[in-house]
Amino acid sequence: MNKYIVEFIGTFFLLLVIGLCVIEPGGAGAMAPLAIGTILMVMVYAGGHISGGHYNPAVTLGVWMRGKCEAKEVPFYMVAQVLGALAASLLVVYLKGDSLIVAANPKIANVFIAELIFTFALVFVVLNVATAKKTTGNSYYGLAIGFTLMTAAYSIGSISGCAINPAVAIGITLMGLSKLSNLWVFLVANFAGGALASMVFKITNSDE
């Protein structure tokens, strides 16, 4: 149970920071990706020793495929993550209730490509810095993961909104930042990116 509580908390704060930093007025503007990457970093450090600090169903999928998460735990991880995202999103809607939010209208093909590539990058980094034998016990894993998200947000924020996380995709949809009709492309691209990262990890770490 402790693992799922931690996954709820970490995902909650990730979505809370995303919403509060992105939605105007009172957002963080160009500094939003830095804040978002930082909250993921500190939450990974805070909960990594308990749950692995996934806070992302695509990461959980990749870690499971890599063999570092039991199949019976996967649904509970994902449910905890989605519930955390939903709770945070509802709080953001309440706190930013006077804001005028217009859902993005991106090109679906561009969203798919951007989300697939950067979800792959995030999960590939997680697997290498947080699950590989050769990096066991390192102290930089949280920094590497947080910086990956920050870099992704700066790179593709204007293209897809940079969810690279099915729970985030659900959360930004609930906040009104993304259209419900576009949710599927995030889910497909994010899970595909996580699965691909796990397969490439196994190829590049054949001694694992």
Protein backbone atom coordinates (compact mmCIF):
# COMPACT_ATOMS: atom_id res chain seq x y z
CA MET A 1 0.00 0.00 0.00
CA ASN A 2 2.86 2.40 0.77
CA LYS A 3 4.00 2.22 -2.86
CA TYR A 4 0.63 3.27 -4.17
CA ILE A 5 0.28 6.13 -1.68
CA VAL A 6 3.67 7.45 -2.80
CA GLU A 7 2.70 7.12 -6.46
CA PHE A 8 -0.49 9.07 -5.75
CA ILE A 9 1.43 11.83 -3.96
CA GLY A 10 4.15 12.16 -6.57
CA THR A 11 1.73 12.27 -9.49
CA PHE A 12 -0.51 14.68 -7.58
CA PHE A 13 2.25 17.22 -7.11
CA LEU A 14 3.46 16.82 -10.68
CA LEU A 15 0.02 17.70 -12.05
CA LEU A 16 -0.52 20.42 -9.48
CA VAL A 17 2.67 22.20 -10.52
CA ILE A 18 1.89 21.73 -14.21
CA GLY A 19 -1.54 23.31 -13.85
CA LEU A 20 -0.52 26.17 -11.60
CA CYS A 21 2.53 27.03 -13.71
CA VAL A 22 0.88 26.77 -17.12
CA ILE A 23 -2.52 28.37 -16.57
CA GLU A 24 -2.63 32.16 -16.58
CA PRO A 25 -2.90 34.50 -14.80
CA GLY A 26 -0.23 33.70 -12.27
CA GLY A 27 1.59 31.12 -14.33
CA ALA A 28 5.33 30.73 -14.54
CA GLY A 29 5.61 31.59 -18.22
CA ALA A 30 8.92 30.57 -19.77
CA MET A 31 10.08 29.20 -16.41
CA ALA A 32 7.25 26.62 -16.24
CA PRO A 33 9.34 23.73 -17.66
CA LEU A 34 12.01 24.36 -15.02
CA ALA A 35 9.45 24.18 -12.22
CA ILE A 36 7.82 21.07 -13.70
CA GLY A 37 11.13 19.27 -14.14
CA THR A 38 12.15 20.25 -10.62
CA ILE A 39 9.00 18.91 -8.94
CA LEU A 40 9.46 15.60 -10.73
CA MET A 41 13.10 15.48 -9.63
CA VAL A 42 12.35 16.10 -5.95
CA MET A 43 9.41 13.69 -5.93
CA VAL A 44 11.57 10.98 -7.52
CA TYR A 45 14.16 11.51 -4.79
CA ALA A 46 11.42 11.55 -2.14
CA GLY A 47 9.64 8.38 -3.23
CA GLY A 48 12.16 6.47 -5.28
CA HIS A 49 13.23 4.25 -2.39
CA ILE A 50 9.61 3.31 -1.66
CA SER A 51 7.84 2.90 -5.00
CA GLY A 52 10.54 3.54 -7.58
CA GLY A 53 9.13 7.02 -8.19
CA HIS A 54 7.35 6.26 -11.44
CA TYR A 55 4.50 8.84 -11.32
CA ASN A 56 3.75 7.88 -14.90
CA PRO A 57 1.89 4.84 -16.31
CA ALA A 58 4.28 4.76 -19.30
CA VAL A 59 7.22 4.48 -16.90
CA THR A 60 5.44 1.72 -14.98
CA LEU A 61 4.86 -0.14 -18.25
CA GLY A 62 8.52 0.20 -19.19
CA VAL A 63 9.75 -0.88 -15.77
CA TRP A 64 7.41 -3.89 -15.82
CA MET A 65 8.58 -4.93 -19.29
CA ARG A 66 12.15 -4.56 -18.10
CA GLY A 67 11.36 -6.96 -15.23
CA LYS A 68 11.61 -4.59 -12.28
CA CYS A 69 7.93 -4.38 -11.38
CA GLU A 70 5.62 -7.31 -10.65
CA ALA A 71 2.69 -7.73 -13.03
CA LYS A 72 0.21 -7.81 -10.15
CA GLU A 73 1.36 -4.34 -9.04
CA VAL A 74 1.05 -2.64 -12.43
CA PRO A 75 -2.72 -1.93 -12.32
CA PHE A 76 -2.48 -0.52 -8.80
CA TYR A 77 0.44 1.73 -9.76
CA MET A 78 -1.49 3.07 -12.74
CA VAL A 79 -4.72 3.58 -10.79
CA ALA A 80 -2.83 5.46 -8.05
CA GLN A 81 -1.14 7.65 -10.67
CA VAL A 82 -4.37 8.49 -12.46
CA LEU A 83 -6.17 9.22 -9.19
CA GLY A 84 -3.35 11.54 -8.16
CA ALA A 85 -3.60 13.32 -11.50
CA LEU A 86 -7.38 13.66 -11.22
CA ALA A 87 -7.22 15.02 -7.67
CA ALA A 88 -4.58 17.59 -8.58
CA SER A 89 -6.44 18.64 -11.71
CA LEU A 90 -9.63 19.25 -9.78
CA LEU A 91 -7.69 21.34 -7.26
CA VAL A 92 -6.11 23.38 -10.08
CA VAL A 93 -9.54 24.00 -11.62
CA TYR A 94 -10.73 25.21 -8.21
CA LEU A 95 -7.71 27.43 -7.53
CA LYS A 96 -7.64 28.84 -11.06
CA GLY A 97 -11.41 29.02 -11.43
CA ASP A 98 -11.39 32.58 -12.74
CA SER A 99 -8.94 31.80 -15.54
CA LEU A 100 -9.94 31.69 -19.18
CA ILE A 101 -8.60 28.35 -20.46
CA VAL A 102 -8.58 27.59 -24.16
CA ALA A 103 -7.83 24.03 -25.22
CA ALA A 104 -4.91 23.62 -27.59
CA ASN A 105 -5.62 22.65 -31.18
CA PRO A 106 -2.42 20.90 -32.29
CA LYS A 107 -1.73 18.78 -35.36
CA ILE A 108 -2.41 15.18 -34.34
CA ALA A 109 0.47 13.73 -36.34
CA ASN A 110 2.91 16.17 -34.74
CA VAL A 111 1.57 15.37 -31.28
CA PHE A 112 2.03 11.65 -31.87
CA ILE A 113 5.61 12.00 -33.08
CA ALA A 114 6.66 14.42 -30.34
CA GLU A 115 5.00 12.45 -27.54
CA LEU A 116 6.36 9.12 -28.77
CA ILE A 117 9.95 10.35 -29.05
CA PHE A 118 10.12 12.16 -25.74
CA THR A 119 8.23 9.50 -23.78
CA PHE A 120 10.83 7.11 -25.14
CA ALA A 121 13.57 9.46 -23.92
CA LEU A 122 12.08 9.78 -20.44
CA VAL A 123 11.50 6.06 -19.92
CA PHE A 124 14.89 5.17 -21.44
CA VAL A 125 16.57 7.51 -18.95
CA VAL A 126 14.56 6.10 -16.04
CA LEU A 127 15.47 2.52 -16.93
CA ASN A 128 19.17 3.33 -17.28
CA VAL A 129 19.66 5.52 -14.22
CA ALA A 130 17.19 3.88 -11.84
CA THR A 131 17.06 0.17 -12.74
CA ALA A 132 20.35 -0.80 -14.42
CA LYS A 133 22.88 -2.82 -12.43
CA LYS A 134 25.81 -0.65 -13.51
CA THR A 135 24.18 2.52 -12.12
CA THR A 136 22.93 0.99 -8.87
CA GLY A 137 23.33 3.32 -5.91
CA ASN A 138 23.97 6.46 -7.95
CA SER A 139 22.89 9.81 -6.51
CA TYR A 140 21.99 11.53 -9.78
CA TYR A 141 18.99 9.48 -10.90
CA GLY A 142 16.40 12.03 -9.81
CA LEU A 143 18.29 14.89 -11.43
CA ALA A 144 18.59 13.00 -14.70
CA ILE A 145 14.88 12.18 -14.76
CA GLY A 146 13.77 15.69 -13.84
CA PHE A 147 16.08 17.29 -16.39
CA THR A 148 14.71 14.98 -19.08
CA LEU A 149 11.19 16.22 -18.40
CA MET A 150 12.35 19.84 -18.28
CA THR A 151 14.15 19.49 -21.60
CA ALA A 152 11.14 17.80 -23.17
CA ALA A 153 8.82 20.56 -21.95
CA TYR A 154 11.01 23.25 -23.48
CA SER A 155 11.36 21.24 -26.70
CA ILE A 156 7.81 20.12 -27.46
CA GLY A 157 5.62 22.19 -25.16
CA SER A 158 4.51 24.30 -28.11
CA ILE A 159 3.89 21.21 -30.26
CA SER A 160 1.99 18.81 -28.02
CA GLY A 161 1.87 20.42 -24.59
CA CYS A 162 4.44 17.83 -23.48
CA ALA A 163 2.43 15.29 -21.53
CA ILE A 164 4.78 12.31 -22.12
CA ASN A 165 2.71 10.68 -19.39
CA PRO A 166 -0.80 9.19 -19.72
CA ALA A 167 -1.77 10.49 -16.27
CA VAL A 168 -0.66 14.00 -17.26
CA ALA A 169 -2.60 13.68 -20.52
CA ILE A 170 -5.74 12.84 -18.54
CA GLY A 171 -5.05 15.69 -16.12
CA ILE A 172 -4.55 18.41 -18.72
CA THR A 173 -7.71 17.21 -20.45
CA LEU A 174 -9.68 17.61 -17.23
CA MET A 175 -8.16 21.08 -16.73
CA GLY A 176 -9.34 22.07 -20.19
CA LEU A 177 -5.85 22.53 -21.62
CA SER A 178 -6.36 19.70 -24.12
CA LYS A 179 -9.46 18.45 -25.94
CA LEU A 180 -11.04 15.18 -24.87
CA SER A 181 -11.10 14.12 -28.53
CA ASN A 182 -7.28 14.29 -28.58
CA LEU A 183 -6.71 12.17 -25.48
CA TRP A 184 -6.29 8.94 -27.43
CA VAL A 185 -3.21 10.15 -29.30
CA PHE A 186 -1.42 10.95 -26.05
CA LEU A 187 -2.28 7.56 -24.56
CA VAL A 188 -1.18 5.62 -27.63
CA ALA A 189 2.04 7.60 -28.12
CA ASN A 190 2.99 7.56 -24.44
CA PHE A 191 2.48 3.84 -23.89
CA ALA A 192 4.17 3.04 -27.21
CA GLY A 193 7.13 5.21 -26.24
CA GLY A 194 7.44 3.49 -22.88
CA ALA A 195 7.28 0.03 -24.42
CA LEU A 196 9.83 0.94 -27.10
CA ALA A 197 12.21 2.32 -24.48
CA SER A 198 12.07 -0.95 -22.56
CA MET A 199 12.81 -2.98 -25.69
CA VAL A 200 15.77 -0.77 -26.60
CA PHE A 201 17.03 -0.92 -23.01
CA LYS A 202 17.11 -4.71 -23.21
CA ILE A 203 19.05 -4.56 -26.47
CA THR A 204 21.58 -2.03 -25.21
CA ASN A 205 21.92 -3.69 -21.79
CA SER A 206 22.09 -7.30 -22.90
CA ASP A 207 24.11 -8.26 -19.81
CA GLU A 208 21.22 -7.37 -17.49
